[in-house]
């Protein structure tokens, strides 16, 4: 079996059930309309009507069952992604702390460095820290000098290179 055939088969099965449900829903709507407006010329056999009802019930039960399975799978995927995000955040935090220590940043520079990585401007950093814009500019320049970066983009790219460098060297996943 091909790696992608299972998701394709699942889509075909789910699509078929949805189409069955739609078809039989329309059947019952037209059946009701025919009864209300007296459009039916010949009576429908009860055997046919019962067969349609049985098939409809089966399609509804299958749809409910598959909906439950899809919900459970989505909940599991979300839990897995939440765990992965937690691991990624922890890895980024550890990398950031390691780099800041390696560069010899002061506690104030570490705080400014964090704000830079969050994408804040010098003005925003100054407002948050209650410092003058000149102080923040001096700290930003000290961070760039100690990190060997010329600007915010280079500083951020150093972290990104460290985080995804292996993925680039090993090629795309999958």
Foldseek 3Di string as FASTA:
>chain_A
DDPCVVVVVVCVVLVVLVVLLVVLVVVVVVVVVCVVVVVDPDDDDVVVVVVSVVSNVVSVVVNVVVVVVVVVVVVVVVVVVVVVVVVVVVVLVVVLVVLCVVLPQDPVLSLLVVVLLVPDDLVVSCVVVVHDSVVSVVSLVSVCVSNVHDDSVRVNVVSVCVVCVVCVVVDHDD
